[in-house]
């Protein structure tokens, strides 16, 4: 049904409002990033973004957003360890919504030992104390949500940081375009928009009771990863993603088996006007292969002129889809009980 009454009954912590707020969130994050103290950063030869889960996706999106124009290499790092090359000429940005993510704290400790220049971005927690104790800078923001719902901050605050230390251009024009597109999508995808005219609700219906496979090429590869994570965390359902053109060199050979899997899967292709023309052609050809093998498929295309608008329009679309899929499964989208269980048991054997 996906009607307003059903949504209000299930959405106990108002996840939908966090999705609706993304347009305002990115603007508030940019303005906040311009007001915070500028860290003393110099002679940077590489950038490493630390983070896990809902915080790390900001780093992955940032890497793809600016890699083509950033004067130094930028890497998103999701693990306890850091690359060997990290040193005094590295800018290490540690993202942790809670400030207590153990993998990020471990990687931060290693970066401190190597003398890296460090800025942490969080709502507080251990990472703030650890960063400041090591002589680094801490940027704090205030937004009450699950980490995955604070994407505007985990992406835009490090972008503002790089701009202010001379490693990224001024993105205000891109942000204004993106906010305008996302605001229009709020009307198109919102709960008051009926199923017949709401693409996000219809796409969620196609995914219901199917394993979802998401395929995309740069610059939407991290967006596909985001959707995979949102289906897991919001919808409490299994999904996977792969990137083109790489999956054209292996995965397409295995799409015909097991046969019993085919009618239980749904394949979504994400396309972007900013993608390489050959990758756009590859998406068309790859979808033909899946259709020929009997898969249920669909494709969606990003909106906007800038890479930021195209990436975040698809993030926003996917967030709505994962939310409506949760409602279709009669599930509250906010709680993440398995993650809480895992953290509880990890805490019993601390580092």
C-alpha atoms as a PDB file:
ATOM      1  CA  UNK A   1       0.000   0.000   0.000  1.00  0.00           C
ATOM      2  CA  UNK A   2       2.766   2.479   0.971  1.00  0.00           C
ATOM      3  CA  UNK A   3       0.208   5.033   2.140  1.00  0.00           C
ATOM      4  CA  UNK A   4       0.790   7.786   4.687  1.00  0.00           C
ATOM      5  CA  UNK A   5      -0.944   5.871   7.499  1.00  0.00           C
ATOM      6  CA  UNK A   6       1.242   2.804   6.985  1.00  0.00           C
ATOM      7  CA  UNK A   7       4.366   4.959   6.871  1.00  0.00           C
ATOM      8  CA  UNK A   8       3.487   6.796  10.092  1.00  0.00           C
ATOM      9  CA  UNK A   9       2.822   3.496  11.858  1.00  0.00           C
ATOM     10  CA  UNK A  10       6.149   1.939  10.893  1.00  0.00           C
ATOM     11  CA  UNK A  11       8.555   4.894  10.705  1.00  0.00           C
ATOM     12  CA  UNK A  12       8.952   5.327  14.465  1.00  0.00           C
ATOM     13  CA  UNK A  13      12.122   7.468  14.301  1.00  0.00           C
ATOM     14  CA  UNK A  14      11.097   9.475  11.237  1.00  0.00           C
ATOM     15  CA  UNK A  15      13.703   8.212   8.792  1.00  0.00           C
ATOM     16  CA  UNK A  16      11.629   9.688   5.973  1.00  0.00           C
ATOM     17  CA  UNK A  17      12.136  13.186   7.340  1.00  0.00           C
ATOM     18  CA  UNK A  18      15.927  12.665   7.262  1.00  0.00           C
ATOM     19  CA  UNK A  19      15.639  11.690   3.595  1.00  0.00           C
ATOM     20  CA  UNK A  20      13.493  14.750   2.939  1.00  0.00           C
ATOM     21  CA  UNK A  21      16.057  16.953   4.668  1.00  0.00           C
ATOM     22  CA  UNK A  22      19.003  16.069   2.434  1.00  0.00           C
ATOM     23  CA  UNK A  23      18.635  19.223   0.274  1.00  0.00           C
ATOM     24  CA  UNK A  24      18.815  21.471   3.343  1.00  0.00           C
ATOM     25  CA  UNK A  25      21.446  19.287   4.971  1.00  0.00           C
ATOM     26  CA  UNK A  26      24.002  19.778   2.207  1.00  0.00           C
ATOM     27  CA  UNK A  27      23.601  23.554   2.313  1.00  0.00           C
ATOM     28  CA  UNK A  28      23.825  23.684   6.102  1.00  0.00           C
ATOM     29  CA  UNK A  29      26.900  21.461   6.035  1.00  0.00           C
ATOM     30  CA  UNK A  30      28.625  23.663   3.441  1.00  0.00           C
ATOM     31  CA  UNK A  31      27.896  26.828   5.411  1.00  0.00           C
ATOM     32  CA  UNK A  32      29.031  25.175   8.652  1.00  0.00           C
ATOM     33  CA  UNK A  33      32.253  24.056   6.963  1.00  0.00           C
ATOM     34  CA  UNK A  34      32.958  27.630   5.884  1.00  0.00           C
ATOM     35  CA  UNK A  35      32.545  28.885   9.464  1.00  0.00           C
ATOM     36  CA  UNK A  36      34.763  26.364  11.272  1.00  0.00           C
ATOM     37  CA  UNK A  37      38.432  27.191  12.023  1.00  0.00           C
ATOM     38  CA  UNK A  38      40.803  26.501   9.117  1.00  0.00           C
ATOM     39  CA  UNK A  39      43.282  23.764  10.126  1.00  0.00           C
ATOM     40  CA  UNK A  40      46.997  24.395   9.683  1.00  0.00           C
ATOM     41  CA  UNK A  41      47.592  22.124   6.683  1.00  0.00           C
ATOM     42  CA  UNK A  42      50.528  22.405   4.253  1.00  0.00           C
ATOM     43  CA  UNK A  43      52.601  20.509   1.679  1.00  0.00           C
ATOM     44  CA  UNK A  44      49.960  17.845   1.107  1.00  0.00           C
ATOM     45  CA  UNK A  45      50.919  15.135  -1.381  1.00  0.00           C
ATOM     46  CA  UNK A  46      47.924  12.806  -0.807  1.00  0.00           C
ATOM     47  CA  UNK A  47      44.568  12.684   0.960  1.00  0.00           C
ATOM     48  CA  UNK A  48      43.244   9.651   2.840  1.00  0.00           C
ATOM     49  CA  UNK A  49      39.639   9.620   4.095  1.00  0.00           C
ATOM     50  CA  UNK A  50      39.064   7.226   7.006  1.00  0.00           C
ATOM     51  CA  UNK A  51      35.612   5.888   7.818  1.00  0.00           C
ATOM     52  CA  UNK A  52      33.240   2.955   7.993  1.00  0.00           C
ATOM     53  CA  UNK A  53      29.623   2.382   6.994  1.00  0.00           C
ATOM     54  CA  UNK A  54      27.357   5.401   6.955  1.00  0.00           C
ATOM     55  CA  UNK A  55      30.285   7.758   7.525  1.00  0.00           C
ATOM     56  CA  UNK A  56      32.593   6.138   4.964  1.00  0.00           C
ATOM     57  CA  UNK A  57      30.162   6.571   2.089  1.00  0.00           C
ATOM     58  CA  UNK A  58      30.814  10.294   2.324  1.00  0.00           C
ATOM     59  CA  UNK A  59      34.496   9.618   1.690  1.00  0.00           C
ATOM     60  CA  UNK A  60      33.765   7.329  -1.249  1.00  0.00           C
ATOM     61  CA  UNK A  61      31.452   9.886  -2.845  1.00  0.00           C
ATOM     62  CA  UNK A  62      33.995  12.643  -2.206  1.00  0.00           C
ATOM     63  CA  UNK A  63      36.783  10.652  -3.831  1.00  0.00           C
ATOM     64  CA  UNK A  64      34.734  10.148  -6.989  1.00  0.00           C
ATOM     65  CA  UNK A  65      33.404  13.708  -6.963  1.00  0.00           C
ATOM     66  CA  UNK A  66      36.769  15.482  -6.985  1.00  0.00           C
ATOM     67  CA  UNK A  67      39.372  12.933  -8.126  1.00  0.00           C
ATOM     68  CA  UNK A  68      39.445  14.331 -11.674  1.00  0.00           C
ATOM     69  CA  UNK A  69      40.247  17.857 -10.496  1.00  0.00           C
ATOM     70  CA  UNK A  70      42.040  17.360  -7.175  1.00  0.00           C
ATOM     71  CA  UNK A  71      45.757  18.278  -7.410  1.00  0.00           C
ATOM     72  CA  UNK A  72      46.784  15.258  -5.300  1.00  0.00           C
ATOM     73  CA  UNK A  73      45.587  11.634  -5.099  1.00  0.00           C
ATOM     74  CA  UNK A  74      42.606  10.986  -2.815  1.00  0.00           C
ATOM     75  CA  UNK A  75      41.721   7.607  -1.305  1.00  0.00           C
ATOM     76  CA  UNK A  76      38.784   6.332   0.756  1.00  0.00           C
ATOM     77  CA  UNK A  77      40.117   3.925   3.421  1.00  0.00           C
ATOM     78  CA  UNK A  78      37.726   1.476   5.166  1.00  0.00           C
ATOM     79  CA  UNK A  79      39.745  -0.691   7.547  1.00  0.00           C
ATOM     80  CA  UNK A  80      41.773  -0.880  10.753  1.00  0.00           C
ATOM     81  CA  UNK A  81      45.019  -0.267   8.852  1.00  0.00           C
ATOM     82  CA  UNK A  82      46.237   2.490   6.543  1.00  0.00           C
ATOM     83  CA  UNK A  83      48.438   2.397   3.422  1.00  0.00           C
ATOM     84  CA  UNK A  84      52.212   2.382   3.892  1.00  0.00           C
ATOM     85  CA  UNK A  85      52.621   5.670   1.980  1.00  0.00           C
ATOM     86  CA  UNK A  86      50.802   7.704   4.647  1.00  0.00           C
ATOM     87  CA  UNK A  87      53.228  10.140   6.269  1.00  0.00           C
ATOM     88  CA  UNK A  88      53.866  13.804   7.173  1.00  0.00           C
ATOM     89  CA  UNK A  89      52.718  14.981   3.728  1.00  0.00           C
ATOM     90  CA  UNK A  90      49.415  13.136   4.012  1.00  0.00           C
ATOM     91  CA  UNK A  91      46.170  14.834   4.947  1.00  0.00           C
ATOM     92  CA  UNK A  92      44.145  12.235   6.837  1.00  0.00           C
ATOM     93  CA  UNK A  93      40.475  13.081   7.323  1.00  0.00           C
ATOM     94  CA  UNK A  94      38.853  10.780   9.880  1.00  0.00           C
ATOM     95  CA  UNK A  95      35.062  10.554   9.501  1.00  0.00           C
ATOM     96  CA  UNK A  96      33.004   9.019  12.296  1.00  0.00           C
ATOM     97  CA  UNK A  97      29.475  10.134  13.058  1.00  0.00           C
ATOM     98  CA  UNK A  98      29.607   8.835  16.631  1.00  0.00           C
ATOM     99  CA  UNK A  99      33.312   9.464  17.059  1.00  0.00           C
ATOM    100  CA  UNK A 100      33.695   5.957  18.481  1.00  0.00           C
ATOM    101  CA  UNK A 101      34.056   3.699  15.425  1.00  0.00           C
ATOM    102  CA  UNK A 102      36.791   1.243  16.371  1.00  0.00           C
ATOM    103  CA  UNK A 103      38.220   0.664  12.894  1.00  0.00           C
ATOM    104  CA  UNK A 104      38.475   4.414  12.293  1.00  0.00           C
ATOM    105  CA  UNK A 105      40.092   5.000  15.679  1.00  0.00           C
ATOM    106  CA  UNK A 106      42.640   2.264  14.930  1.00  0.00           C
ATOM    107  CA  UNK A 107      43.480   3.729  11.521  1.00  0.00           C
ATOM    108  CA  UNK A 108      43.689   7.209  13.057  1.00  0.00           C
ATOM    109  CA  UNK A 109      46.179   5.961  15.644  1.00  0.00           C
ATOM    110  CA  UNK A 110      48.359   4.537  12.872  1.00  0.00           C
ATOM    111  CA  UNK A 111      48.172   7.830  10.969  1.00  0.00           C
ATOM    112  CA  UNK A 112      49.239   9.728  14.084  1.00  0.00           C
ATOM    113  CA  UNK A 113      52.196   7.402  14.546  1.00  0.00           C
ATOM    114  CA  UNK A 114      53.261   8.193  10.980  1.00  0.00           C
ATOM    115  CA  UNK A 115      53.096  11.925  11.583  1.00  0.00           C
ATOM    116  CA  UNK A 116      50.206  12.613   9.203  1.00  0.00           C
ATOM    117  CA  UNK A 117      48.297  15.901   9.246  1.00  0.00           C
ATOM    118  CA  UNK A 118      44.928  15.010  10.731  1.00  0.00           C
ATOM    119  CA  UNK A 119      41.437  16.459  10.800  1.00  0.00           C
ATOM    120  CA  UNK A 120      38.561  14.523  12.355  1.00  0.00           C
ATOM    121  CA  UNK A 121      34.904  15.188  11.548  1.00  0.00           C
ATOM    122  CA  UNK A 122      32.256  13.864  13.934  1.00  0.00           C
ATOM    123  CA  UNK A 123      29.533  14.739  16.414  1.00  0.00           C
ATOM    124  CA  UNK A 124      32.067  14.270  19.227  1.00  0.00           C
ATOM    125  CA  UNK A 125      33.207  11.090  20.973  1.00  0.00           C
ATOM    126  CA  UNK A 126      36.631   9.526  21.382  1.00  0.00           C
ATOM    127  CA  UNK A 127      37.863  10.643  17.984  1.00  0.00           C
ATOM    128  CA  UNK A 128      37.711  14.298  19.024  1.00  0.00           C
ATOM    129  CA  UNK A 129      39.768  13.719  22.169  1.00  0.00           C
ATOM    130  CA  UNK A 130      42.223  11.487  20.306  1.00  0.00           C
ATOM    131  CA  UNK A 131      42.683  13.954  17.446  1.00  0.00           C
ATOM    132  CA  UNK A 132      43.247  16.934  19.699  1.00  0.00           C
ATOM    133  CA  UNK A 133      45.588  15.004  21.983  1.00  0.00           C
ATOM    134  CA  UNK A 134      47.717  14.219  18.928  1.00  0.00           C
ATOM    135  CA  UNK A 135      47.855  17.840  17.777  1.00  0.00           C
ATOM    136  CA  UNK A 136      45.255  17.511  15.010  1.00  0.00           C
ATOM    137  CA  UNK A 137      42.112  19.528  14.333  1.00  0.00           C
ATOM    138  CA  UNK A 138      38.534  18.473  15.050  1.00  0.00           C
ATOM    139  CA  UNK A 139      35.458  19.648  13.198  1.00  0.00           C
ATOM    140  CA  UNK A 140      32.233  19.016  15.106  1.00  0.00           C
ATOM    141  CA  UNK A 141      28.701  19.055  13.742  1.00  0.00           C
ATOM    142  CA  UNK A 142      25.333  18.597  15.405  1.00  0.00           C
ATOM    143  CA  UNK A 143      22.781  16.405  13.649  1.00  0.00           C
ATOM    144  CA  UNK A 144      20.736  13.772  15.453  1.00  0.00           C
ATOM    145  CA  UNK A 145      20.226  10.712  13.259  1.00  0.00           C
ATOM    146  CA  UNK A 146      21.589   7.353  12.268  1.00  0.00           C
ATOM    147  CA  UNK A 147      25.034   7.790  10.636  1.00  0.00           C
ATOM    148  CA  UNK A 148      23.688   6.892   7.197  1.00  0.00           C
ATOM    149  CA  UNK A 149      21.136   9.710   7.437  1.00  0.00           C
ATOM    150  CA  UNK A 150      23.848  12.341   8.001  1.00  0.00           C
ATOM    151  CA  UNK A 151      25.291  11.934   4.513  1.00  0.00           C
ATOM    152  CA  UNK A 152      25.125  15.655   3.805  1.00  0.00           C
ATOM    153  CA  UNK A 153      27.616  16.234   6.589  1.00  0.00           C
ATOM    154  CA  UNK A 154      29.899  13.262   5.902  1.00  0.00           C
ATOM    155  CA  UNK A 155      30.277  14.374   2.262  1.00  0.00           C
ATOM    156  CA  UNK A 156      30.025  18.151   2.323  1.00  0.00           C
ATOM    157  CA  UNK A 157      32.060  18.926   5.457  1.00  0.00           C
ATOM    158  CA  UNK A 158      35.232  17.228   4.141  1.00  0.00           C
ATOM    159  CA  UNK A 159      34.599  18.891   0.773  1.00  0.00           C
ATOM    160  CA  UNK A 160      34.446  22.289   2.507  1.00  0.00           C
ATOM    161  CA  UNK A 161      37.623  21.389   4.394  1.00  0.00           C
ATOM    162  CA  UNK A 162      39.508  20.599   1.185  1.00  0.00           C
ATOM    163  CA  UNK A 163      38.236  23.827  -0.367  1.00  0.00           C
ATOM    164  CA  UNK A 164      39.417  25.903   2.554  1.00  0.00           C
ATOM    165  CA  UNK A 165      42.925  24.412   2.563  1.00  0.00           C
ATOM    166  CA  UNK A 166      43.301  24.921  -1.196  1.00  0.00           C
ATOM    167  CA  UNK A 167      42.772  21.348  -2.395  1.00  0.00           C
ATOM    168  CA  UNK A 168      39.303  21.771  -3.942  1.00  0.00           C
ATOM    169  CA  UNK A 169      37.465  24.546  -5.753  1.00  0.00           C
ATOM    170  CA  UNK A 170      34.427  26.408  -4.498  1.00  0.00           C
ATOM    171  CA  UNK A 171      31.435  24.075  -4.996  1.00  0.00           C
ATOM    172  CA  UNK A 172      28.689  26.534  -4.093  1.00  0.00           C
ATOM    173  CA  UNK A 173      27.261  26.536  -7.631  1.00  0.00           C
ATOM    174  CA  UNK A 174      27.091  22.729  -7.654  1.00  0.00           C
ATOM    175  CA  UNK A 175      25.478  22.735  -4.214  1.00  0.00           C
ATOM    176  CA  UNK A 176      22.805  25.198  -5.285  1.00  0.00           C
ATOM    177  CA  UNK A 177      21.985  23.117  -8.377  1.00  0.00           C
ATOM    178  CA  UNK A 178      21.906  19.944  -6.297  1.00  0.00           C
ATOM    179  CA  UNK A 179      19.665  21.441  -3.637  1.00  0.00           C
ATOM    180  CA  UNK A 180      17.206  22.590  -6.306  1.00  0.00           C
ATOM    181  CA  UNK A 181      17.032  19.143  -7.917  1.00  0.00           C
ATOM    182  CA  UNK A 182      16.675  17.314  -4.593  1.00  0.00           C
ATOM    183  CA  UNK A 183      13.942  19.686  -3.445  1.00  0.00           C
ATOM    184  CA  UNK A 184      11.976  18.876  -6.594  1.00  0.00           C
ATOM    185  CA  UNK A 185      12.558  15.168  -5.983  1.00  0.00           C
ATOM    186  CA  UNK A 186      11.082  15.542  -2.497  1.00  0.00           C
ATOM    187  CA  UNK A 187       7.786  16.468  -4.142  1.00  0.00           C
ATOM    188  CA  UNK A 188       8.085  13.730  -6.756  1.00  0.00           C
ATOM    189  CA  UNK A 189       9.117  10.922  -4.365  1.00  0.00           C
ATOM    190  CA  UNK A 190       7.487  12.038  -1.093  1.00  0.00           C
ATOM    191  CA  UNK A 191       4.897  10.021   0.797  1.00  0.00           C
ATOM    192  CA  UNK A 192       2.013  12.164  -0.466  1.00  0.00           C
ATOM    193  CA  UNK A 193       2.898  11.347  -4.080  1.00  0.00           C
ATOM    194  CA  UNK A 194       0.735   8.352  -5.067  1.00  0.00           C
ATOM    195  CA  UNK A 195       2.119   5.088  -6.354  1.00  0.00           C
ATOM    196  CA  UNK A 196       0.936   5.762  -9.906  1.00  0.00           C
ATOM    197  CA  UNK A 197       3.117   8.873 -10.229  1.00  0.00           C
ATOM    198  CA  UNK A 198       5.901   8.029  -7.757  1.00  0.00           C
ATOM    199  CA  UNK A 199       8.891   6.301  -9.409  1.00  0.00           C
ATOM    200  CA  UNK A 200      10.540   5.527  -6.045  1.00  0.00           C
ATOM    201  CA  UNK A 201       7.488   3.653  -4.764  1.00  0.00           C
ATOM    202  CA  UNK A 202       7.159   1.740  -8.028  1.00  0.00           C
ATOM    203  CA  UNK A 203      10.838   0.775  -8.051  1.00  0.00           C
ATOM    204  CA  UNK A 204      10.561  -0.467  -4.465  1.00  0.00           C
ATOM    205  CA  UNK A 205       7.659  -2.623  -5.585  1.00  0.00           C
ATOM    206  CA  UNK A 206       9.822  -4.195  -8.278  1.00  0.00           C
ATOM    207  CA  UNK A 207      12.430  -5.073  -5.642  1.00  0.00           C
ATOM    208  CA  UNK A 208      10.004  -6.629  -3.175  1.00  0.00           C
ATOM    209  CA  UNK A 209      10.867 -10.273  -2.369  1.00  0.00           C
ATOM    210  CA  UNK A 210      13.796 -10.243  -4.788  1.00  0.00           C
ATOM    211  CA  UNK A 211      17.558 -10.119  -4.334  1.00  0.00           C
ATOM    212  CA  UNK A 212      18.606  -6.751  -5.706  1.00  0.00           C
ATOM    213  CA  UNK A 213      21.687  -6.377  -7.919  1.00  0.00           C
ATOM    214  CA  UNK A 214      22.835  -2.815  -8.653  1.00  0.00           C
ATOM    215  CA  UNK A 215      25.232  -2.019 -11.498  1.00  0.00           C
ATOM    216  CA  UNK A 216      26.782   1.374 -12.262  1.00  0.00           C
ATOM    217  CA  UNK A 217      29.850   3.011 -13.748  1.00  0.00           C
ATOM    218  CA  UNK A 218      31.824   6.001 -12.527  1.00  0.00           C
ATOM    219  CA  UNK A 219      30.658   8.510 -11.262  1.00  0.00           C
ATOM    220  CA  UNK A 220      27.764   6.443  -9.886  1.00  0.00           C
ATOM    221  CA  UNK A 221      29.798   3.476  -8.588  1.00  0.00           C
ATOM    222  CA  UNK A 222      29.774   4.750  -4.978  1.00  0.00           C
ATOM    223  CA  UNK A 223      26.075   5.572  -5.392  1.00  0.00           C
ATOM    224  CA  UNK A 224      25.409   1.921  -6.243  1.00  0.00           C
ATOM    225  CA  UNK A 225      27.360   1.003  -3.124  1.00  0.00           C
ATOM    226  CA  UNK A 226      25.237   3.431  -1.124  1.00  0.00           C
ATOM    227  CA  UNK A 227      22.010   1.864  -2.402  1.00  0.00           C
ATOM    228  CA  UNK A 228      23.284  -1.610  -1.510  1.00  0.00           C
ATOM    229  CA  UNK A 229      23.923  -0.360   2.032  1.00  0.00           C
ATOM    230  CA  UNK A 230      20.591   1.435   2.292  1.00  0.00           C
ATOM    231  CA  UNK A 231      18.658  -1.655   1.214  1.00  0.00           C
ATOM    232  CA  UNK A 232      20.486  -3.581   3.929  1.00  0.00           C
ATOM    233  CA  UNK A 233      20.076  -1.002   6.708  1.00  0.00           C
ATOM    234  CA  UNK A 234      16.709   0.535   5.860  1.00  0.00           C
ATOM    235  CA  UNK A 235      14.941  -2.378   4.171  1.00  0.00           C
ATOM    236  CA  UNK A 236      16.633  -5.174   6.165  1.00  0.00           C
ATOM    237  CA  UNK A 237      17.103  -7.012   2.868  1.00  0.00           C
ATOM    238  CA  UNK A 238      20.017  -8.436   0.910  1.00  0.00           C
ATOM    239  CA  UNK A 239      21.497  -6.639  -2.098  1.00  0.00           C
ATOM    240  CA  UNK A 240      24.786  -6.501  -3.999  1.00  0.00           C
ATOM    241  CA  UNK A 241      26.466  -4.064  -6.350  1.00  0.00           C
ATOM    242  CA  UNK A 242      29.164  -4.198  -9.025  1.00  0.00           C
ATOM    243  CA  UNK A 243      30.960  -1.634 -11.152  1.00  0.00           C
ATOM    244  CA  UNK A 244      31.235  -1.282 -14.889  1.00  0.00           C
ATOM    245  CA  UNK A 245      33.290  -1.764 -16.948  1.00  0.00           C
ATOM    246  CA  UNK A 246      34.972  -4.343 -14.660  1.00  0.00           C
ATOM    247  CA  UNK A 247      31.937  -6.619 -14.355  1.00  0.00           C
ATOM    248  CA  UNK A 248      31.870  -6.867 -18.153  1.00  0.00           C
ATOM    249  CA  UNK A 249      35.138  -8.779 -17.931  1.00  0.00           C
ATOM    250  CA  UNK A 250      33.911 -11.520 -15.596  1.00  0.00           C
ATOM    251  CA  UNK A 251      30.456 -11.402 -13.951  1.00  0.00           C
ATOM    252  CA  UNK A 252      28.373 -11.390 -17.131  1.00  0.00           C
ATOM    253  CA  UNK A 253      29.657 -14.861 -17.973  1.00  0.00           C
ATOM    254  CA  UNK A 254      27.902 -16.284 -14.898  1.00  0.00           C
ATOM    255  CA  UNK A 255      24.485 -14.716 -15.254  1.00  0.00           C
ATOM    256  CA  UNK A 256      22.719 -17.868 -16.515  1.00  0.00           C
ATOM    257  CA  UNK A 257      23.196 -19.997 -13.387  1.00  0.00           C
ATOM    258  CA  UNK A 258      21.844 -21.050 -11.024  1.00  0.00           C
ATOM    259  CA  UNK A 259      18.654 -20.972 -13.047  1.00  0.00           C
ATOM    260  CA  UNK A 260      16.523 -20.996  -9.898  1.00  0.00           C
ATOM    261  CA  UNK A 261      18.082 -17.666  -8.922  1.00  0.00           C
ATOM    262  CA  UNK A 262      17.062 -15.738 -12.050  1.00  0.00           C
ATOM    263  CA  UNK A 263      13.385 -15.165 -11.261  1.00  0.00           C
ATOM    264  CA  UNK A 264      14.276 -14.276  -7.658  1.00  0.00           C
ATOM    265  CA  UNK A 265      16.563 -11.402  -8.665  1.00  0.00           C
ATOM    266  CA  UNK A 266      15.996  -7.823  -9.718  1.00  0.00           C
ATOM    267  CA  UNK A 267      18.733  -5.961 -11.593  1.00  0.00           C
ATOM    268  CA  UNK A 268      18.963  -2.175 -11.499  1.00  0.00           C
ATOM    269  CA  UNK A 269      21.236  -0.237 -13.851  1.00  0.00           C
ATOM    270  CA  UNK A 270      22.240   3.311 -12.883  1.00  0.00           C
ATOM    271  CA  UNK A 271      23.290   5.656 -15.689  1.00  0.00           C
ATOM    272  CA  UNK A 272      24.717   9.160 -15.703  1.00  0.00           C
ATOM    273  CA  UNK A 273      25.311  11.745 -18.438  1.00  0.00           C
ATOM    274  CA  UNK A 274      28.757  12.228 -16.871  1.00  0.00           C
ATOM    275  CA  UNK A 275      29.730   8.585 -17.434  1.00  0.00           C
ATOM    276  CA  UNK A 276      32.217   7.725 -20.154  1.00  0.00           C
ATOM    277  CA  UNK A 277      30.300   7.239 -23.447  1.00  0.00           C
ATOM    278  CA  UNK A 278      31.625   3.699 -23.762  1.00  0.00           C
ATOM    279  CA  UNK A 279      30.339   2.874 -20.286  1.00  0.00           C
ATOM    280  CA  UNK A 280      26.921   4.238 -21.214  1.00  0.00           C
ATOM    281  CA  UNK A 281      26.951   1.913 -24.216  1.00  0.00           C
ATOM    282  CA  UNK A 282      28.155  -0.950 -22.006  1.00  0.00           C
ATOM    283  CA  UNK A 283      25.195  -0.403 -19.661  1.00  0.00           C
ATOM    284  CA  UNK A 284      22.789  -0.765 -22.595  1.00  0.00           C
ATOM    285  CA  UNK A 285      24.498  -3.904 -23.873  1.00  0.00           C
ATOM    286  CA  UNK A 286      24.784  -5.449 -20.398  1.00  0.00           C
ATOM    287  CA  UNK A 287      21.109  -4.894 -19.731  1.00  0.00           C
ATOM    288  CA  UNK A 288      20.325  -6.663 -23.014  1.00  0.00           C
ATOM    289  CA  UNK A 289      22.282  -9.682 -21.788  1.00  0.00           C
ATOM    290  CA  UNK A 290      20.361  -9.799 -18.505  1.00  0.00           C
ATOM    291  CA  UNK A 291      17.026  -9.378 -20.228  1.00  0.00           C
ATOM    292  CA  UNK A 292      17.945 -12.159 -22.649  1.00  0.00           C
ATOM    293  CA  UNK A 293      18.734 -14.432 -19.698  1.00  0.00           C
ATOM    294  CA  UNK A 294      15.303 -13.781 -18.189  1.00  0.00           C
ATOM    295  CA  UNK A 295      16.075 -11.292 -15.424  1.00  0.00           C
ATOM    296  CA  UNK A 296      13.730  -8.566 -14.263  1.00  0.00           C
ATOM    297  CA  UNK A 297      15.607  -5.311 -14.868  1.00  0.00           C
ATOM    298  CA  UNK A 298      15.118  -1.572 -14.871  1.00  0.00           C
ATOM    299  CA  UNK A 299      17.328   1.480 -15.395  1.00  0.00           C
ATOM    300  CA  UNK A 300      17.404   4.953 -13.866  1.00  0.00           C
ATOM    301  CA  UNK A 301      19.302   8.033 -15.052  1.00  0.00           C
ATOM    302  CA  UNK A 302      20.824  10.739 -12.873  1.00  0.00           C
ATOM    303  CA  UNK A 303      19.591  14.318 -13.033  1.00  0.00           C
ATOM    304  CA  UNK A 304      21.533  17.578 -13.286  1.00  0.00           C
ATOM    305  CA  UNK A 305      24.512  19.124 -15.019  1.00  0.00           C
ATOM    306  CA  UNK A 306      27.216  18.833 -12.351  1.00  0.00           C
ATOM    307  CA  UNK A 307      28.736  15.585 -11.138  1.00  0.00           C
ATOM    308  CA  UNK A 308      27.547  16.434  -7.631  1.00  0.00           C
ATOM    309  CA  UNK A 309      23.955  16.877  -8.757  1.00  0.00           C
ATOM    310  CA  UNK A 310      24.013  13.654 -10.729  1.00  0.00           C
ATOM    311  CA  UNK A 311      25.538  11.672  -7.870  1.00  0.00           C
ATOM    312  CA  UNK A 312      23.313  13.062  -5.119  1.00  0.00           C
ATOM    313  CA  UNK A 313      20.125  12.963  -7.190  1.00  0.00           C
ATOM    314  CA  UNK A 314      20.663   9.220  -7.458  1.00  0.00           C
ATOM    315  CA  UNK A 315      21.606   8.867  -3.779  1.00  0.00           C
ATOM    316  CA  UNK A 316      18.396  10.677  -2.853  1.00  0.00           C
ATOM    317  CA  UNK A 317      16.314   8.537  -5.224  1.00  0.00           C
ATOM    318  CA  UNK A 318      17.842   5.362  -3.811  1.00  0.00           C
ATOM    319  CA  UNK A 319      17.255   6.468  -0.224  1.00  0.00           C
ATOM    320  CA  UNK A 320      13.549   6.867  -0.977  1.00  0.00           C
ATOM    321  CA  UNK A 321      13.438   3.478  -2.696  1.00  0.00           C
ATOM    322  CA  UNK A 322      15.057   1.714   0.273  1.00  0.00           C
ATOM    323  CA  UNK A 323      12.654   3.460   2.634  1.00  0.00           C
ATOM    324  CA  UNK A 324       9.571   2.384   0.685  1.00  0.00           C
ATOM    325  CA  UNK A 325      10.943  -1.129   0.385  1.00  0.00           C
ATOM    326  CA  UNK A 326      11.165  -1.244   4.195  1.00  0.00           C
ATOM    327  CA  UNK A 327       7.545  -0.109   4.457  1.00  0.00           C
ATOM    328  CA  UNK A 328       6.494  -2.744   1.904  1.00  0.00           C
ATOM    329  CA  UNK A 329       8.218  -5.357   4.097  1.00  0.00           C
ATOM    330  CA  UNK A 330       6.305  -3.956   7.121  1.00  0.00           C
ATOM    331  CA  UNK A 331       9.626  -3.012   8.783  1.00  0.00           C
ATOM    332  CA  UNK A 332      10.740   0.038  10.733  1.00  0.00           C
ATOM    333  CA  UNK A 333      13.594   1.430   8.589  1.00  0.00           C
ATOM    334  CA  UNK A 334      15.671   2.955  11.400  1.00  0.00           C
ATOM    335  CA  UNK A 335      16.875   0.181  13.790  1.00  0.00           C
ATOM    336  CA  UNK A 336      19.974  -1.831  12.825  1.00  0.00           C
ATOM    337  CA  UNK A 337      19.832  -4.638  15.375  1.00  0.00           C
ATOM    338  CA  UNK A 338      22.492  -6.865  13.807  1.00  0.00           C
ATOM    339  CA  UNK A 339      25.031  -4.035  13.851  1.00  0.00           C
ATOM    340  CA  UNK A 340      24.171  -3.294  17.485  1.00  0.00           C
ATOM    341  CA  UNK A 341      24.565  -7.009  18.352  1.00  0.00           C
ATOM    342  CA  UNK A 342      27.944  -7.175  16.640  1.00  0.00           C
ATOM    343  CA  UNK A 343      29.243  -4.036  18.350  1.00  0.00           C
ATOM    344  CA  UNK A 344      28.098  -5.358  21.725  1.00  0.00           C
ATOM    345  CA  UNK A 345      30.062  -8.589  21.262  1.00  0.00           C
ATOM    346  CA  UNK A 346      33.126  -6.777  19.899  1.00  0.00           C
ATOM    347  CA  UNK A 347      33.082  -4.578  22.994  1.00  0.00           C
ATOM    348  CA  UNK A 348      33.469  -7.689  25.119  1.00  0.00           C
ATOM    349  CA  UNK A 349      36.924  -8.183  23.518  1.00  0.00           C
ATOM    350  CA  UNK A 350      38.236  -4.631  23.008  1.00  0.00           C
ATOM    351  CA  UNK A 351      41.379  -3.706  21.066  1.00  0.00           C
END
